[in-house]
């Protein structure tokens, strides 16, 4: 543990000037957006194959975004509605620049995992703010489910983050990645925390079987009931960032990030593929079932992982 602490405090990354950071703050969200679209495509392709369908064409996610943003929105629910959608998408864009990727650290060395954890709460709160302005009871039901889901997976997520930070004696993602690349991946040093983190990842992605707040089989689809056109397009973009952030965060904590782009992309797509396959093995859970499951198994495993770390 002392050697880990000494390594992380021995100069994690070179300090970047403003002119070096700004291009990264533009490129990192762009990379996240493209990667996220490919992950959405993979999700839909896997779902189609498991259901014995062909699935969408390669550029279907791009077609969907162009179509949605090209539609004229007939109804506006006011400024708060617009701000809520901006918060939902902007929160994930802000989170991207806190996640180190090969050759670019953004401002990850300024914030660390604690700041990132707070930033990741902004999208759900923004979605609640925007949909709440619509005053649609179906939307309110969906938002209450979404906030319940956030509460369900945030508890094990924070426990996992605490355990990882305790193990490395640091909250710097840059330092954690550098240590894993020169020593051993976190999944081997903290297998219980890695297992709990993978379980939590399923809830963070908001996909089957934990997609109760969307409830696509119901007539009124939760928060999306008052969303159309550019608003629905914003939620589609938000989903792309959500896939990317969840996979990169897990790869950074437990798989050593990526020393090059090929290794990095293999890891993050592999991380996403695991919950995608699991998603279609179980029926959709109710909100109270999600809380019960999330607060039972991943919390228990994460606490055991912290006990071994300590």
Protein backbone atom coordinates (compact mmCIF):
# COMPACT_ATOMS: atom_id res chain seq x y z
CA UNK A 1 0.00 0.00 0.00
CA UNK A 2 2.86 2.38 0.81
CA UNK A 3 4.48 1.73 -2.57
CA UNK A 4 1.16 2.49 -4.26
CA UNK A 5 0.84 5.74 -2.37
CA UNK A 6 4.41 6.76 -3.19
CA UNK A 7 3.89 6.02 -6.87
CA UNK A 8 0.67 8.05 -7.09
CA UNK A 9 2.19 11.01 -5.30
CA UNK A 10 5.45 11.05 -7.25
CA UNK A 11 4.16 13.23 -10.08
CA UNK A 12 1.15 11.73 -11.84
CA UNK A 13 1.02 13.79 -14.99
CA UNK A 14 2.61 16.82 -16.52
CA UNK A 15 0.75 20.05 -15.97
CA UNK A 16 -0.90 21.19 -19.17
CA UNK A 17 -1.21 24.75 -20.31
CA UNK A 18 -4.54 26.25 -21.33
CA UNK A 19 -3.70 26.04 -25.03
CA UNK A 20 -3.06 22.31 -24.63
CA UNK A 21 -6.20 21.63 -22.60
CA UNK A 22 -8.69 23.43 -24.85
CA UNK A 23 -8.18 21.20 -27.94
CA UNK A 24 -8.57 18.13 -25.71
CA UNK A 25 -11.82 19.52 -24.28
CA UNK A 26 -13.14 19.64 -27.84
CA UNK A 27 -11.74 16.32 -29.07
CA UNK A 28 -12.69 14.23 -26.03
CA UNK A 29 -16.48 14.82 -26.30
CA UNK A 30 -16.28 14.21 -30.05
CA UNK A 31 -14.52 10.88 -29.51
CA UNK A 32 -17.04 10.00 -26.81
CA UNK A 33 -19.96 10.81 -29.11
CA UNK A 34 -18.69 8.68 -32.00
CA UNK A 35 -17.76 5.79 -29.71
CA UNK A 36 -21.12 6.03 -27.97
CA UNK A 37 -22.99 5.84 -31.27
CA UNK A 38 -21.07 2.68 -32.16
CA UNK A 39 -21.99 1.23 -28.75
CA UNK A 40 -25.66 2.05 -29.32
CA UNK A 41 -25.43 0.33 -32.70
CA UNK A 42 -23.81 -2.70 -31.08
CA UNK A 43 -26.56 -2.80 -28.46
CA UNK A 44 -29.26 -2.79 -31.13
CA UNK A 45 -27.42 -5.34 -33.27
CA UNK A 46 -26.99 -7.75 -30.37
CA UNK A 47 -30.64 -7.32 -29.39
CA UNK A 48 -31.70 -8.06 -32.94
CA UNK A 49 -29.54 -11.19 -33.24
CA UNK A 50 -30.77 -12.57 -29.93
CA UNK A 51 -34.33 -11.98 -31.14
CA UNK A 52 -33.58 -13.51 -34.57
CA UNK A 53 -33.80 -10.24 -36.44
CA UNK A 54 -31.33 -8.64 -38.86
CA UNK A 55 -31.00 -5.39 -36.97
CA UNK A 56 -30.42 -1.79 -38.11
CA UNK A 57 -27.87 -0.73 -40.75
CA UNK A 58 -24.48 0.65 -39.73
CA UNK A 59 -25.40 4.33 -39.96
CA UNK A 60 -28.84 3.98 -38.33
CA UNK A 61 -27.87 5.90 -35.13
CA UNK A 62 -26.71 8.81 -37.27
CA UNK A 63 -29.92 8.67 -39.32
CA UNK A 64 -31.96 8.76 -36.11
CA UNK A 65 -30.19 11.85 -34.77
CA UNK A 66 -30.46 13.71 -38.09
CA UNK A 67 -34.14 12.80 -38.35
CA UNK A 68 -34.95 13.91 -34.79
CA UNK A 69 -33.08 17.20 -35.01
CA UNK A 70 -34.56 17.84 -38.43
CA UNK A 71 -38.12 17.66 -37.11
CA UNK A 72 -39.98 20.80 -36.12
CA UNK A 73 -40.95 20.80 -32.45
CA UNK A 74 -44.57 21.87 -32.15
CA UNK A 75 -44.79 22.25 -28.38
CA UNK A 76 -42.51 24.17 -26.01
CA UNK A 77 -42.84 23.85 -22.27
CA UNK A 78 -40.80 26.91 -21.42
CA UNK A 79 -37.24 27.84 -20.52
CA UNK A 80 -36.90 25.36 -17.64
CA UNK A 81 -37.73 22.51 -20.01
CA UNK A 82 -34.95 23.59 -22.35
CA UNK A 83 -32.47 24.09 -19.52
CA UNK A 84 -33.24 20.63 -18.18
CA UNK A 85 -32.34 18.95 -21.47
CA UNK A 86 -29.16 21.05 -21.73
CA UNK A 87 -28.23 19.92 -18.21
CA UNK A 88 -28.93 16.28 -19.08
CA UNK A 89 -26.66 16.33 -22.14
CA UNK A 90 -24.17 18.86 -20.79
CA UNK A 91 -23.62 16.87 -17.61
CA UNK A 92 -22.34 13.91 -19.58
CA UNK A 93 -20.23 16.11 -21.86
CA UNK A 94 -18.65 17.66 -18.75
CA UNK A 95 -18.02 14.19 -17.31
CA UNK A 96 -16.14 13.12 -20.46
CA UNK A 97 -13.31 15.60 -19.89
CA UNK A 98 -12.69 14.07 -16.45
CA UNK A 99 -12.00 10.63 -17.99
CA UNK A 100 -8.42 10.05 -19.20
CA UNK A 101 -8.00 8.43 -22.61
CA UNK A 102 -4.82 7.53 -24.52
CA UNK A 103 -2.86 10.71 -25.16
CA UNK A 104 -5.42 13.00 -23.53
CA UNK A 105 -6.14 13.57 -19.85
CA UNK A 106 -8.37 16.63 -20.22
CA UNK A 107 -8.82 18.04 -16.73
CA UNK A 108 -8.84 14.62 -15.04
CA UNK A 109 -5.82 15.56 -12.93
CA UNK A 110 -7.73 18.59 -11.62
CA UNK A 111 -10.87 16.83 -10.41
CA UNK A 112 -10.47 13.13 -9.92
CA UNK A 113 -13.04 10.45 -9.21
CA UNK A 114 -14.85 12.43 -6.48
CA UNK A 115 -15.61 15.37 -8.78
CA UNK A 116 -16.64 12.97 -11.53
CA UNK A 117 -19.09 11.25 -9.17
CA UNK A 118 -20.83 14.56 -8.50
CA UNK A 119 -20.89 15.52 -12.19
CA UNK A 120 -22.55 12.21 -13.09
CA UNK A 121 -25.56 13.16 -10.95
CA UNK A 122 -26.28 16.26 -13.04
CA UNK A 123 -27.91 14.49 -16.07
CA UNK A 124 -30.58 12.75 -13.97
CA UNK A 125 -31.34 15.96 -12.08
CA UNK A 126 -31.51 17.92 -15.35
CA UNK A 127 -33.87 15.36 -16.86
CA UNK A 128 -36.08 15.60 -13.77
CA UNK A 129 -36.08 19.39 -14.02
CA UNK A 130 -36.98 19.41 -17.72
CA UNK A 131 -39.69 16.75 -17.59
CA UNK A 132 -41.14 18.20 -14.39
CA UNK A 133 -41.82 21.44 -16.28
CA UNK A 134 -44.16 19.53 -18.62
CA UNK A 135 -46.67 18.83 -15.81
CA UNK A 136 -47.55 15.51 -17.41
CA UNK A 137 -48.40 12.85 -14.79
CA UNK A 138 -46.90 10.08 -16.92
CA UNK A 139 -43.66 12.03 -17.17
CA UNK A 140 -43.67 12.61 -13.41
CA UNK A 141 -44.06 8.87 -12.83
CA UNK A 142 -41.12 8.21 -15.15
CA UNK A 143 -38.95 10.80 -13.41
CA UNK A 144 -39.75 9.41 -9.97
CA UNK A 145 -38.63 6.02 -11.26
CA UNK A 146 -35.47 7.55 -12.77
CA UNK A 147 -34.50 9.23 -9.49
CA UNK A 148 -35.23 6.01 -7.61
CA UNK A 149 -32.98 4.16 -10.05
CA UNK A 150 -30.23 6.76 -9.54
CA UNK A 151 -30.51 6.32 -5.78
CA UNK A 152 -30.38 2.54 -6.22
CA UNK A 153 -27.13 2.38 -8.19
CA UNK A 154 -25.43 5.41 -6.59
CA UNK A 155 -25.09 3.67 -3.22
CA UNK A 156 -23.03 0.70 -4.49
CA UNK A 157 -21.21 3.02 -6.94
CA UNK A 158 -20.02 5.31 -4.14
CA UNK A 159 -18.97 2.30 -2.07
CA UNK A 160 -16.95 0.96 -5.01
CA UNK A 161 -15.35 4.37 -5.58
CA UNK A 162 -14.49 4.62 -1.88
CA UNK A 163 -12.93 1.16 -1.95
CA UNK A 164 -10.83 1.89 -5.05
CA UNK A 165 -9.68 5.26 -3.67
CA UNK A 166 -8.79 3.59 -0.37
CA UNK A 167 -6.77 0.91 -2.14
CA UNK A 168 -4.79 3.42 -4.19
CA UNK A 169 -4.72 6.08 -1.46
CA UNK A 170 -5.65 8.58 -4.17
CA UNK A 171 -8.67 9.92 -6.05
CA UNK A 172 -6.76 10.65 -9.27
CA UNK A 173 -7.90 8.56 -12.23
CA UNK A 174 -4.72 9.52 -14.07
CA UNK A 175 -2.59 8.09 -11.28
CA UNK A 176 -4.73 4.95 -10.98
CA UNK A 177 -4.33 4.21 -14.69
CA UNK A 178 -0.59 4.85 -14.65
CA UNK A 179 -0.17 2.55 -11.65
CA UNK A 180 -2.17 -0.26 -13.26
CA UNK A 181 -0.21 0.00 -16.49
CA UNK A 182 3.10 -0.39 -14.67
CA UNK A 183 1.98 -2.87 -11.98
CA UNK A 184 -1.25 -4.91 -12.06
CA UNK A 185 -4.81 -4.23 -13.17
CA UNK A 186 -7.30 -3.36 -10.48
CA UNK A 187 -9.54 -6.30 -11.41
CA UNK A 188 -6.80 -8.64 -10.12
CA UNK A 189 -5.97 -6.61 -7.01
CA UNK A 190 -9.62 -5.85 -6.14
CA UNK A 191 -11.75 -8.65 -7.70
CA UNK A 192 -14.72 -8.16 -5.36
CA UNK A 193 -14.87 -4.42 -6.00
CA UNK A 194 -14.56 -5.11 -9.73
CA UNK A 195 -17.50 -7.54 -9.58
CA UNK A 196 -19.62 -5.03 -7.65
CA UNK A 197 -18.65 -2.32 -10.12
CA UNK A 198 -19.74 -4.46 -13.07
CA UNK A 199 -23.12 -5.07 -11.41
CA UNK A 200 -23.49 -1.34 -10.76
CA UNK A 201 -22.56 -0.63 -14.39
CA UNK A 202 -25.71 -2.46 -15.47
CA UNK A 203 -27.84 -0.01 -13.48
CA UNK A 204 -25.90 3.08 -14.56
CA UNK A 205 -26.49 2.30 -18.24
CA UNK A 206 -30.25 2.29 -17.62
CA UNK A 207 -30.81 -0.69 -19.86
CA UNK A 208 -32.69 -3.94 -19.46
CA UNK A 209 -33.49 -5.23 -16.87
CA UNK A 210 -33.10 -1.88 -15.05
CA UNK A 211 -34.93 0.36 -17.54
CA UNK A 212 -38.12 0.73 -15.53
CA UNK A 213 -38.08 4.53 -15.77
CA UNK A 214 -38.22 4.29 -19.57
CA UNK A 215 -40.66 1.38 -19.64
CA UNK A 216 -40.74 0.96 -23.46
CA UNK A 217 -43.51 -1.66 -23.26
CA UNK A 218 -45.89 0.85 -21.70
CA UNK A 219 -47.98 3.30 -23.73
CA UNK A 220 -46.58 6.35 -21.91
CA UNK A 221 -42.81 5.89 -21.97
CA UNK A 222 -41.79 7.70 -18.81
CA UNK A 223 -39.67 10.85 -19.19
CA UNK A 224 -39.93 10.66 -22.99
CA UNK A 225 -43.69 11.14 -23.07
CA UNK A 226 -43.35 14.91 -23.67
CA UNK A 227 -40.16 14.70 -25.73
CA UNK A 228 -40.13 15.01 -29.48
CA UNK A 229 -37.93 16.39 -32.21
CA UNK A 230 -34.76 18.02 -30.91
CA UNK A 231 -35.60 17.08 -27.32
CA UNK A 232 -35.77 13.40 -28.18
CA UNK A 233 -32.59 13.87 -30.21
CA UNK A 234 -30.93 15.30 -27.12
CA UNK A 235 -31.91 12.23 -25.12
CA UNK A 236 -30.52 10.00 -27.89
CA UNK A 237 -27.19 11.87 -27.70
CA UNK A 238 -27.31 11.57 -23.91
CA UNK A 239 -27.66 7.79 -24.22
CA UNK A 240 -24.57 7.63 -26.43
CA UNK A 241 -22.48 9.49 -23.85
CA UNK A 242 -23.95 7.33 -21.09
CA UNK A 243 -22.68 4.13 -22.72
CA UNK A 244 -19.23 5.60 -23.29
CA UNK A 245 -18.77 7.08 -19.82
CA UNK A 246 -19.85 3.95 -17.99
CA UNK A 247 -17.47 1.75 -19.98
CA UNK A 248 -14.47 4.12 -19.82
CA UNK A 249 -14.93 4.66 -16.09
CA UNK A 250 -14.93 0.91 -15.43
CA UNK A 251 -11.92 0.37 -17.69
CA UNK A 252 -10.07 3.17 -15.91
CA UNK A 253 -10.77 1.82 -12.43
CA UNK A 254 -10.18 -1.89 -13.03
CA UNK A 255 -8.65 -2.56 -16.46
CA UNK A 256 -5.78 -0.09 -16.55
CA UNK A 257 -7.33 2.27 -19.10
CA UNK A 258 -5.52 2.00 -22.41
CA UNK A 259 -1.86 2.47 -23.29
CA UNK A 260 -2.89 2.86 -26.95
CA UNK A 261 -6.12 3.38 -28.87
CA UNK A 262 -6.49 -0.21 -30.05
CA UNK A 263 -6.23 -1.58 -26.51
CA UNK A 264 -8.50 1.17 -25.17
CA UNK A 265 -11.30 0.55 -27.68
CA UNK A 266 -11.14 -3.22 -27.20
CA UNK A 267 -11.55 -2.79 -23.45
CA UNK A 268 -14.44 -0.31 -23.47
CA UNK A 269 -16.44 -2.21 -26.09
CA UNK A 270 -15.85 -5.45 -24.20
CA UNK A 271 -17.05 -3.81 -20.97
CA UNK A 272 -20.25 -2.63 -22.68
CA UNK A 273 -20.85 -5.99 -24.33
CA UNK A 274 -21.09 -7.82 -20.99
CA UNK A 275 -24.16 -5.93 -19.66
CA UNK A 276 -25.67 -5.95 -23.15
CA UNK A 277 -25.77 -9.76 -23.19
CA UNK A 278 -26.96 -9.88 -19.58
CA UNK A 279 -29.71 -7.37 -20.40
CA UNK A 280 -31.72 -9.87 -22.44
CA UNK A 281 -31.50 -12.76 -19.99
CA UNK A 282 -33.78 -11.28 -17.32
CA UNK A 283 -37.22 -9.63 -17.30
CA UNK A 284 -37.51 -5.94 -16.51
CA UNK A 285 -37.54 -5.27 -12.77
CA UNK A 286 -39.86 -2.91 -10.95
CA UNK A 287 -38.41 0.17 -9.24
CA UNK A 288 -38.62 -1.35 -5.76
CA UNK A 289 -37.04 -4.58 -7.02
CA UNK A 290 -34.15 -2.62 -8.51
CA UNK A 291 -33.50 -0.86 -5.19
CA UNK A 292 -33.67 -4.16 -3.31
CA UNK A 293 -31.29 -5.92 -5.70
CA UNK A 294 -28.82 -3.02 -5.95
CA UNK A 295 -28.71 -2.46 -2.21
CA UNK A 296 -28.27 -6.16 -1.53
CA UNK A 297 -25.81 -7.91 -3.81
CA UNK A 298 -23.43 -5.22 -5.16
CA UNK A 299 -23.40 -3.42 -1.80
CA UNK A 300 -22.60 -6.63 0.04
CA UNK A 301 -19.87 -7.62 -2.43
CA UNK A 302 -18.42 -4.08 -2.41
CA UNK A 303 -18.29 -3.98 1.40
CA UNK A 304 -16.48 -7.34 1.40
CA UNK A 305 -14.10 -5.90 -1.18
CA UNK A 306 -13.38 -2.90 1.07
CA UNK A 307 -12.75 -5.26 3.98
CA UNK A 308 -10.08 -7.07 1.94
CA UNK A 309 -8.59 -3.76 0.79
CA UNK A 310 -8.30 -2.50 4.36
